[in-house]
PDB file of all heavy atoms in Angstrom:
ATOM      1  N   THR A   1    -162.289  77.477  37.227  1.00  0.00           N
ATOM      2  CA  THR A   1    -163.623  78.066  37.154  1.00  0.00           C
ATOM      3  C   THR A   1    -164.597  77.154  37.875  1.00  0.00           C
ATOM      4  O   THR A   1    -164.676  75.961  37.597  1.00  0.00           O
ATOM      5  CB  THR A   1    -164.074  78.234  35.693  1.00  0.00           C
ATOM      6  OG1 THR A   1    -163.139  79.066  35.014  1.00  0.00           O
ATOM      7  CG2 THR A   1    -165.454  78.871  35.628  1.00  0.00           C
ATOM      8  N   VAL A   2    -165.327  77.729  38.813  1.00  0.00           N
ATOM      9  CA  VAL A   2    -166.279  76.972  39.631  1.00  0.00           C
ATOM     10  C   VAL A   2    -167.680  77.494  39.376  1.00  0.00           C
ATOM     11  O   VAL A   2    -167.894  78.715  39.311  1.00  0.00           O
ATOM     12  CB  VAL A   2    -165.941  77.109  41.134  1.00  0.00           C
ATOM     13  CG1 VAL A   2    -166.991  76.436  41.994  1.00  0.00           C
ATOM     14  CG2 VAL A   2    -164.570  76.529  41.421  1.00  0.00           C
ATOM     15  N   MET A   3    -168.626  76.581  39.213  1.00  0.00           N
ATOM     16  CA  MET A   3    -170.031  76.968  39.100  1.00  0.00           C
ATOM     17  C   MET A   3    -170.651  76.910  40.480  1.00  0.00           C
ATOM     18  O   MET A   3    -170.789  75.835  41.073  1.00  0.00           O
ATOM     19  CB  MET A   3    -170.759  76.023  38.142  1.00  0.00           C
ATOM     20  CG  MET A   3    -170.238  76.064  36.715  1.00  0.00           C
ATOM     21  SD  MET A   3    -170.291  77.729  35.974  1.00  0.00           S
ATOM     22  CE  MET A   3    -172.068  77.984  35.926  1.00  0.00           C
ATOM     23  N   GLY A   4    -170.987  78.065  41.026  1.00  0.00           N
ATOM     24  CA  GLY A   4    -171.525  78.133  42.373  1.00  0.00           C
ATOM     25  C   GLY A   4    -173.037  78.101  42.402  1.00  0.00           C
ATOM     26  O   GLY A   4    -173.692  77.655  41.462  1.00  0.00           O
ATOM     27  N   LYS A   5    -173.592  78.597  43.498  1.00  0.00           N
ATOM     28  CA  LYS A   5    -175.043  78.611  43.671  1.00  0.00           C
ATOM     29  C   LYS A   5    -175.694  79.449  42.580  1.00  0.00           C
ATOM     30  O   LYS A   5    -175.182  80.497  42.193  1.00  0.00           O
ATOM     31  CB  LYS A   5    -175.408  79.182  45.046  1.00  0.00           C
ATOM     32  CG  LYS A   5    -175.127  78.239  46.207  1.00  0.00           C
ATOM     33  CD  LYS A   5    -175.647  78.813  47.509  1.00  0.00           C
ATOM     34  CE  LYS A   5    -175.495  77.837  48.650  1.00  0.00           C
ATOM     35  NZ  LYS A   5    -176.006  78.390  49.933  1.00  0.00           N
ATOM     36  N   GLY A   6    -176.829  78.967  42.100  1.00  0.00           N
ATOM     37  CA  GLY A   6    -177.550  79.697  41.073  1.00  0.00           C
ATOM     38  C   GLY A   6    -176.843  79.710  39.735  1.00  0.00           C
ATOM     39  O   GLY A   6    -177.148  80.548  38.885  1.00  0.00           O
ATOM     40  N   GLY A   7    -175.888  78.803  39.541  1.00  0.00           N
ATOM     41  CA  GLY A   7    -175.189  78.742  38.268  1.00  0.00           C
ATOM     42  C   GLY A   7    -174.227  79.891  38.037  1.00  0.00           C
ATOM     43  O   GLY A   7    -173.847  80.176  36.903  1.00  0.00           O
ATOM     44  N   GLN A   8    -173.821  80.575  39.126  1.00  0.00           N
ATOM     45  CA  GLN A   8    -172.900  81.703  38.997  1.00  0.00           C
ATOM     46  C   GLN A   8    -171.456  81.193  38.960  1.00  0.00           C
ATOM     47  O   GLN A   8    -171.024  80.469  39.851  1.00  0.00           O
ATOM     48  CB  GLN A   8    -173.076  82.662  40.182  1.00  0.00           C
ATOM     49  CG  GLN A   8    -174.447  83.317  40.244  1.00  0.00           C
ATOM     50  CD  GLN A   8    -174.733  84.194  39.046  1.00  0.00           C
ATOM     51  OE1 GLN A   8    -173.887  85.005  38.661  1.00  0.00           O
ATOM     52  NE2 GLN A   8    -175.899  84.038  38.453  1.00  0.00           N
ATOM     53  N   ALA A   9    -170.717  81.559  37.917  1.00  0.00           N
ATOM     54  CA  ALA A   9    -169.329  81.126  37.779  1.00  0.00           C
ATOM     55  C   ALA A   9    -168.404  82.109  38.471  1.00  0.00           C
ATOM     56  O   ALA A   9    -168.643  83.316  38.495  1.00  0.00           O
ATOM     57  CB  ALA A   9    -168.965  81.005  36.303  1.00  0.00           C
ATOM     58  N   ARG A  10    -167.332  81.574  39.062  1.00  0.00           N
ATOM     59  CA  ARG A  10    -166.304  82.427  39.656  1.00  0.00           C
ATOM     60  C   ARG A  10    -164.956  81.736  39.512  1.00  0.00           C
ATOM     61  O   ARG A  10    -164.876  80.516  39.387  1.00  0.00           O
ATOM     62  CB  ARG A  10    -166.606  82.729  41.126  1.00  0.00           C
ATOM     63  CG  ARG A  10    -166.466  81.557  42.079  1.00  0.00           C
ATOM     64  CD  ARG A  10    -166.890  81.975  43.494  1.00  0.00           C
ATOM     65  NE  ARG A  10    -166.538  80.995  44.514  1.00  0.00           N
ATOM     66  CZ  ARG A  10    -167.231  79.899  44.768  1.00  0.00           C
ATOM     67  NH1 ARG A  10    -168.322  79.642  44.073  1.00  0.00           N
ATOM     68  NH2 ARG A  10    -166.848  79.060  45.716  1.00  0.00           N
ATOM     69  N   MET A  11    -163.906  82.549  39.520  1.00  0.00           N
ATOM     70  CA  MET A  11    -162.549  82.042  39.404  1.00  0.00           C
ATOM     71  C   MET A  11    -161.964  81.849  40.796  1.00  0.00           C
ATOM     72  O   MET A  11    -162.063  82.747  41.643  1.00  0.00           O
ATOM     73  CB  MET A  11    -161.678  83.003  38.597  1.00  0.00           C
ATOM     74  CG  MET A  11    -162.154  83.226  37.169  1.00  0.00           C
ATOM     75  SD  MET A  11    -162.077  81.726  36.174  1.00  0.00           S
ATOM     76  CE  MET A  11    -160.290  81.538  36.007  1.00  0.00           C
ATOM     77  N   ILE A  12    -161.370  80.681  41.019  1.00  0.00           N
ATOM     78  CA  ILE A  12    -160.823  80.342  42.327  1.00  0.00           C
ATOM     79  C   ILE A  12    -159.337  80.016  42.181  1.00  0.00           C
ATOM     80  O   ILE A  12    -158.951  79.209  41.330  1.00  0.00           O
ATOM     81  CB  ILE A  12    -161.552  79.111  42.917  1.00  0.00           C
ATOM     82  CG1 ILE A  12    -163.007  79.436  43.202  1.00  0.00           C
ATOM     83  CG2 ILE A  12    -160.870  78.636  44.197  1.00  0.00           C
ATOM     84  CD1 ILE A  12    -163.213  80.481  44.271  1.00  0.00           C
ATOM     85  N   PRO A  13    -158.490  80.630  43.008  1.00  0.00           N
ATOM     86  CA  PRO A  13    -157.067  80.283  42.954  1.00  0.00           C
ATOM     87  C   PRO A  13    -156.810  78.907  43.571  1.00  0.00           C
ATOM     88  O   PRO A  13    -157.482  78.512  44.522  1.00  0.00           O
ATOM     89  CB  PRO A  13    -156.401  81.388  43.790  1.00  0.00           C
ATOM     90  CG  PRO A  13    -157.469  81.849  44.722  1.00  0.00           C
ATOM     91  CD  PRO A  13    -158.772  81.713  43.976  1.00  0.00           C
ATOM     92  N   VAL A  14    -155.866  78.192  43.004  1.00  0.00           N
ATOM     93  CA  VAL A  14    -155.481  76.882  43.523  1.00  0.00           C
ATOM     94  C   VAL A  14    -154.033  76.986  43.989  1.00  0.00           C
ATOM     95  O   VAL A  14    -153.157  77.410  43.228  1.00  0.00           O
ATOM     96  CB  VAL A  14    -155.619  75.788  42.442  1.00  0.00           C
ATOM     97  CG1 VAL A  14    -155.207  74.436  42.992  1.00  0.00           C
ATOM     98  CG2 VAL A  14    -157.042  75.749  41.922  1.00  0.00           C
ATOM     99  N   SER A  15    -153.783  76.622  45.233  1.00  0.00           N
ATOM    100  CA  SER A  15    -152.447  76.754  45.800  1.00  0.00           C
ATOM    101  C   SER A  15    -151.458  75.823  45.106  1.00  0.00           C
ATOM    102  O   SER A  15    -151.839  74.841  44.451  1.00  0.00           O
ATOM    103  CB  SER A  15    -152.481  76.434  47.298  1.00  0.00           C
ATOM    104  OG  SER A  15    -152.738  75.049  47.494  1.00  0.00           O
ATOM    105  N   ALA A  16    -150.175  76.130  45.275  1.00  0.00           N
ATOM    106  CA  ALA A  16    -149.126  75.286  44.699  1.00  0.00           C
ATOM    107  C   ALA A  16    -149.214  73.878  45.274  1.00  0.00           C
ATOM    108  O   ALA A  16    -149.005  72.888  44.565  1.00  0.00           O
ATOM    109  CB  ALA A  16    -147.754  75.903  44.977  1.00  0.00           C
ATOM    110  N   ARG A  17    -149.543  73.777  46.564  1.00  0.00           N
ATOM    111  CA  ARG A  17    -149.692  72.460  47.207  1.00  0.00           C
ATOM    112  C   ARG A  17    -150.806  71.658  46.543  1.00  0.00           C
ATOM    113  O   ARG A  17    -150.652  70.478  46.241  1.00  0.00           O
ATOM    114  CB  ARG A  17    -150.011  72.640  48.689  1.00  0.00           C
ATOM    115  CG  ARG A  17    -148.897  73.162  49.557  1.00  0.00           C
ATOM    116  CD  ARG A  17    -149.441  73.502  50.933  1.00  0.00           C
ATOM    117  NE  ARG A  17    -150.207  72.392  51.478  1.00  0.00           N
ATOM    118  CZ  ARG A  17    -149.748  71.542  52.392  1.00  0.00           C
ATOM    119  NH1 ARG A  17    -148.518  71.680  52.864  1.00  0.00           N
ATOM    120  NH2 ARG A  17    -150.507  70.566  52.849  1.00  0.00           N
ATOM    121  N   ALA A  18    -151.944  72.343  46.331  1.00  0.00           N
ATOM    122  CA  ALA A  18    -153.091  71.649  45.731  1.00  0.00           C
ATOM    123  C   ALA A  18    -152.792  71.257  44.286  1.00  0.00           C
ATOM    124  O   ALA A  18    -153.182  70.176  43.840  1.00  0.00           O
ATOM    125  CB  ALA A  18    -154.327  72.543  45.792  1.00  0.00           C
ATOM    126  N   ARG A  19    -152.081  72.124  43.550  1.00  0.00           N
ATOM    127  CA  ARG A  19    -151.747  71.799  42.158  1.00  0.00           C
ATOM    128  C   ARG A  19    -150.844  70.568  42.083  1.00  0.00           C
ATOM    129  O   ARG A  19    -150.988  69.728  41.203  1.00  0.00           O
ATOM    130  CB  ARG A  19    -151.079  72.992  41.473  1.00  0.00           C
ATOM    131  CG  ARG A  19    -152.014  74.160  41.222  1.00  0.00           C
ATOM    132  CD  ARG A  19    -151.534  75.031  40.071  1.00  0.00           C
ATOM    133  NE  ARG A  19    -150.178  75.505  40.250  1.00  0.00           N
ATOM    134  CZ  ARG A  19    -149.856  76.611  40.935  1.00  0.00           C
ATOM    135  NH1 ARG A  19    -150.815  77.327  41.519  1.00  0.00           N
ATOM    136  NH2 ARG A  19    -148.597  76.996  41.033  1.00  0.00           N
ATOM    137  N   GLU A  20    -149.933  70.478  43.034  1.00  0.00           N
ATOM    138  CA  GLU A  20    -149.042  69.322  43.074  1.00  0.00           C
ATOM    139  C   GLU A  20    -149.830  68.039  43.334  1.00  0.00           C
ATOM    140  O   GLU A  20    -149.609  67.012  42.687  1.00  0.00           O
ATOM    141  CB  GLU A  20    -147.985  69.530  44.163  1.00  0.00           C
ATOM    142  CG  GLU A  20    -146.946  68.433  44.228  1.00  0.00           C
ATOM    143  CD  GLU A  20    -145.906  68.698  45.299  1.00  0.00           C
ATOM    144  OE1 GLU A  20    -145.736  69.872  45.697  1.00  0.00           O
ATOM    145  OE2 GLU A  20    -145.253  67.734  45.746  1.00  0.00           O
ATOM    146  N   ALA A  21    -150.755  68.123  44.301  1.00  0.00           N
ATOM    147  CA  ALA A  21    -151.582  66.951  44.605  1.00  0.00           C
ATOM    148  C   ALA A  21    -152.510  66.621  43.439  1.00  0.00           C
ATOM    149  O   ALA A  21    -152.746  65.443  43.127  1.00  0.00           O
ATOM    150  CB  ALA A  21    -152.399  67.214  45.874  1.00  0.00           C
ATOM    151  N   LEU A  22    -153.023  67.659  42.774  1.00  0.00           N
ATOM    152  CA  LEU A  22    -153.886  67.444  41.614  1.00  0.00           C
ATOM    153  C   LEU A  22    -153.154  66.731  40.482  1.00  0.00           C
ATOM    154  O   LEU A  22    -153.708  65.842  39.829  1.00  0.00           O
ATOM    155  CB  LEU A  22    -154.423  68.795  41.113  1.00  0.00           C
ATOM    156  CG  LEU A  22    -155.755  69.282  41.655  1.00  0.00           C
ATOM    157  CD1 LEU A  22    -155.997  70.727  41.256  1.00  0.00           C
ATOM    158  CD2 LEU A  22    -156.895  68.397  41.187  1.00  0.00           C
ATOM    159  N   ALA A  23    -151.911  67.134  40.254  1.00  0.00           N
ATOM    160  CA  ALA A  23    -151.136  66.518  39.182  1.00  0.00           C
ATOM    161  C   ALA A  23    -150.959  65.026  39.432  1.00  0.00           C
ATOM    162  O   ALA A  23    -151.048  64.209  38.502  1.00  0.00           O
ATOM    163  CB  ALA A  23    -149.775  67.199  39.073  1.00  0.00           C
ATOM    164  N   GLU A  24    -150.730  64.670  40.703  1.00  0.00           N
ATOM    165  CA  GLU A  24    -150.579  63.256  41.047  1.00  0.00           C
ATOM    166  C   GLU A  24    -151.900  62.517  40.879  1.00  0.00           C
ATOM    167  O   GLU A  24    -151.937  61.378  40.405  1.00  0.00           O
ATOM    168  CB  GLU A  24    -150.075  63.142  42.491  1.00  0.00           C
ATOM    169  CG  GLU A  24    -149.673  61.738  42.914  1.00  0.00           C
ATOM    170  CD  GLU A  24    -148.503  61.195  42.109  1.00  0.00           C
ATOM    171  OE1 GLU A  24    -147.700  62.008  41.598  1.00  0.00           O
ATOM    172  OE2 GLU A  24    -148.401  59.968  41.985  1.00  0.00           O
ATOM    173  N   TRP A  25    -152.990  63.197  41.253  1.00  0.00           N
ATOM    174  CA  TRP A  25    -154.313  62.571  41.123  1.00  0.00           C
ATOM    175  C   TRP A  25    -154.671  62.329  39.663  1.00  0.00           C
ATOM    176  O   TRP A  25    -155.226  61.285  39.311  1.00  0.00           O
ATOM    177  CB  TRP A  25    -155.377  63.428  41.799  1.00  0.00           C
ATOM    178  CG  TRP A  25    -156.788  63.025  41.470  1.00  0.00           C
ATOM    179  CD1 TRP A  25    -157.706  63.757  40.783  1.00  0.00           C
ATOM    180  CD2 TRP A  25    -157.424  61.786  41.789  1.00  0.00           C
ATOM    181  NE1 TRP A  25    -158.873  63.066  40.655  1.00  0.00           N
ATOM    182  CE2 TRP A  25    -158.735  61.840  41.268  1.00  0.00           C
ATOM    183  CE3 TRP A  25    -157.024  60.644  42.455  1.00  0.00           C
ATOM    184  CZ2 TRP A  25    -159.642  60.794  41.401  1.00  0.00           C
ATOM    185  CZ3 TRP A  25    -157.927  59.591  42.595  1.00  0.00           C
ATOM    186  CH2 TRP A  25    -159.215  59.677  42.072  1.00  0.00           C
ATOM    187  N   ILE A  26    -154.364  63.285  38.797  1.00  0.00           N
ATOM    188  CA  ILE A  26    -154.675  63.142  37.372  1.00  0.00           C
ATOM    189  C   ILE A  26    -153.993  61.896  36.794  1.00  0.00           C
ATOM    190  O   ILE A  26    -154.547  61.194  35.945  1.00  0.00           O
ATOM    191  CB  ILE A  26    -154.251  64.400  36.589  1.00  0.00           C
ATOM    192  CG1 ILE A  26    -155.073  65.624  37.038  1.00  0.00           C
ATOM    193  CG2 ILE A  26    -154.416  64.182  35.092  1.00  0.00           C
ATOM    194  CD1 ILE A  26    -156.558  65.496  36.812  1.00  0.00           C
ATOM    195  N   LYS A  27    -152.780  61.619  37.275  1.00  0.00           N
ATOM    196  CA  LYS A  27    -152.069  60.429  36.800  1.00  0.00           C
ATOM    197  C   LYS A  27    -152.784  59.139  37.208  1.00  0.00           C
ATOM    198  O   LYS A  27    -152.797  58.158  36.468  1.00  0.00           O
ATOM    199  CB  LYS A  27    -150.649  60.407  37.360  1.00  0.00           C
ATOM    200  CG  LYS A  27    -149.749  61.533  36.904  1.00  0.00           C
ATOM    201  CD  LYS A  27    -148.400  61.430  37.606  1.00  0.00           C
ATOM    202  CE  LYS A  27    -147.516  62.628  37.304  1.00  0.00           C
ATOM    203  NZ  LYS A  27    -146.247  62.566  38.082  1.00  0.00           N
ATOM    204  N   LEU A  28    -153.363  59.162  38.417  1.00  0.00           N
ATOM    205  CA  LEU A  28    -153.974  57.946  38.972  1.00  0.00           C
ATOM    206  C   LEU A  28    -155.463  57.834  38.683  1.00  0.00           C
ATOM    207  O   LEU A  28    -156.030  56.744  38.796  1.00  0.00           O
ATOM    208  CB  LEU A  28    -153.762  57.905  40.487  1.00  0.00           C
ATOM    209  CG  LEU A  28    -152.317  57.885  40.992  1.00  0.00           C
ATOM    210  CD1 LEU A  28    -152.286  57.999  42.504  1.00  0.00           C
ATOM    211  CD2 LEU A  28    -151.624  56.613  40.544  1.00  0.00           C
ATOM    212  N   ARG A  29    -156.072  58.969  38.328  1.00  0.00           N
ATOM    213  CA  ARG A  29    -157.535  59.002  38.156  1.00  0.00           C
ATOM    214  C   ARG A  29    -157.992  57.906  37.204  1.00  0.00           C
ATOM    215  O   ARG A  29    -157.497  57.795  36.077  1.00  0.00           O
ATOM    216  CB  ARG A  29    -157.932  60.369  37.610  1.00  0.00           C
ATOM    217  CG  ARG A  29    -159.425  60.544  37.329  1.00  0.00           C
ATOM    218  CD  ARG A  29    -159.671  61.903  36.698  1.00  0.00           C
ATOM    219  NE  ARG A  29    -161.055  62.037  36.274  1.00  0.00           N
ATOM    220  CZ  ARG A  29    -161.511  61.616  35.094  1.00  0.00           C
ATOM    221  NH1 ARG A  29    -160.678  61.031  34.244  1.00  0.00           N
ATOM    222  NH2 ARG A  29    -162.784  61.759  34.779  1.00  0.00           N
ATOM    223  N   PRO A  30    -158.948  57.073  37.629  1.00  0.00           N
ATOM    224  CA  PRO A  30    -159.419  55.981  36.763  1.00  0.00           C
ATOM    225  C   PRO A  30    -160.126  56.506  35.515  1.00  0.00           C
ATOM    226  O   PRO A  30    -160.877  57.475  35.576  1.00  0.00           O
ATOM    227  CB  PRO A  30    -160.386  55.204  37.666  1.00  0.00           C
ATOM    228  CG  PRO A  30    -160.786  56.158  38.727  1.00  0.00           C
ATOM    229  CD  PRO A  30    -159.626  57.074  38.936  1.00  0.00           C
ATOM    230  N   SER A  31    -159.853  55.881  34.409  1.00  0.00           N
ATOM    231  CA  SER A  31    -160.461  56.293  33.140  1.00  0.00           C
ATOM    232  C   SER A  31    -161.711  55.477  32.812  1.00  0.00           C
ATOM    233  O   SER A  31    -162.452  55.830  31.893  1.00  0.00           O
ATOM    234  CB  SER A  31    -159.454  56.148  32.000  1.00  0.00           C
ATOM    235  OG  SER A  31    -158.971  54.816  31.932  1.00  0.00           O
ATOM    236  N   GLU A  32    -161.936  54.421  33.570  1.00  0.00           N
ATOM    237  CA  GLU A  32    -163.129  53.585  33.372  1.00  0.00           C
ATOM    238  C   GLU A  32    -163.869  53.444  34.699  1.00  0.00           C
ATOM    239  O   GLU A  32    -163.249  53.207  35.738  1.00  0.00           O
ATOM    240  CB  GLU A  32    -162.735  52.196  32.847  1.00  0.00           C
ATOM    241  CG  GLU A  32    -162.093  52.206  31.462  1.00  0.00           C
ATOM    242  CD  GLU A  32    -163.053  52.620  30.372  1.00  0.00           C
ATOM    243  OE1 GLU A  32    -164.282  52.497  30.603  1.00  0.00           O
ATOM    244  OE2 GLU A  32    -162.607  53.064  29.314  1.00  0.00           O
ATOM    245  N   PRO A  33    -165.215  53.580  34.674  1.00  0.00           N
ATOM    246  CA  PRO A  33    -166.024  53.963  33.515  1.00  0.00           C
ATOM    247  C   PRO A  33    -165.783  55.430  33.142  1.00  0.00           C
ATOM    248  O   PRO A  33    -165.376  56.229  33.979  1.00  0.00           O
ATOM    249  CB  PRO A  33    -167.458  53.749  34.006  1.00  0.00           C
ATOM    250  CG  PRO A  33    -167.370  53.946  35.480  1.00  0.00           C
ATOM    251  CD  PRO A  33    -166.034  53.399  35.897  1.00  0.00           C
ATOM    252  N   ALA A  34    -166.044  55.750  31.898  1.00  0.00           N
ATOM    253  CA  ALA A  34    -165.813  57.099  31.399  1.00  0.00           C
ATOM    254  C   ALA A  34    -166.645  58.106  32.179  1.00  0.00           C
ATOM    255  O   ALA A  34    -167.828  57.884  32.445  1.00  0.00           O
ATOM    256  CB  ALA A  34    -166.163  57.166  29.911  1.00  0.00           C
ATOM    257  N   SER A  35    -166.031  59.191  32.591  1.00  0.00           N
ATOM    258  CA  SER A  35    -166.736  60.229  33.345  1.00  0.00           C
ATOM    259  C   SER A  35    -166.113  61.574  33.038  1.00  0.00           C
ATOM    260  O   SER A  35    -164.898  61.694  32.840  1.00  0.00           O
ATOM    261  CB  SER A  35    -166.650  59.955  34.847  1.00  0.00           C
ATOM    262  OG  SER A  35    -167.192  61.035  35.587  1.00  0.00           O
ATOM    263  N   LYS A  36    -166.926  62.613  32.988  1.00  0.00           N
ATOM    264  CA  LYS A  36    -166.421  63.964  32.718  1.00  0.00           C
ATOM    265  C   LYS A  36    -165.973  64.665  33.991  1.00  0.00           C
ATOM    266  O   LYS A  36    -165.456  65.778  33.945  1.00  0.00           O
ATOM    267  CB  LYS A  36    -167.521  64.803  32.051  1.00  0.00           C
ATOM    268  CG  LYS A  36    -168.713  65.084  32.964  1.00  0.00           C
ATOM    269  CD  LYS A  36    -169.732  65.988  32.276  1.00  0.00           C
ATOM    270  CE  LYS A  36    -170.887  66.330  33.224  1.00  0.00           C
ATOM    271  NZ  LYS A  36    -171.872  67.245  32.613  1.00  0.00           N
ATOM    272  N   PHE A  37    -166.167  64.001  35.147  1.00  0.00           N
ATOM    273  CA  PHE A  37    -165.889  64.652  36.425  1.00  0.00           C
ATOM    274  C   PHE A  37    -164.465  64.394  36.912  1.00  0.00           C
ATOM    275  O   PHE A  37    -163.866  63.356  36.640  1.00  0.00           O
ATOM    276  CB  PHE A  37    -166.896  64.200  37.478  1.00  0.00           C
ATOM    277  CG  PHE A  37    -168.309  64.580  37.162  1.00  0.00           C
ATOM    278  CD1 PHE A  37    -169.212  63.628  36.705  1.00  0.00           C
ATOM    279  CD2 PHE A  37    -168.730  65.890  37.291  1.00  0.00           C
ATOM    280  CE1 PHE A  37    -170.521  63.978  36.399  1.00  0.00           C
ATOM    281  CE2 PHE A  37    -170.033  66.260  36.983  1.00  0.00           C
ATOM    282  CZ  PHE A  37    -170.923  65.304  36.529  1.00  0.00           C
TER     283      PHE A  37
END
C-alpha cells in the first residue's frame, strides 16, 4: 500500500525479483537508530 499525492492510497504489485531483494534488505536493514521507515 502506497500513499500517493494528496494522501491517496493505492495498491502496487511488487515483482518476484523485488520481493527477493526486499527479503535480503530486511535481514540487513539497520535497527539503530529506531525508525519506522
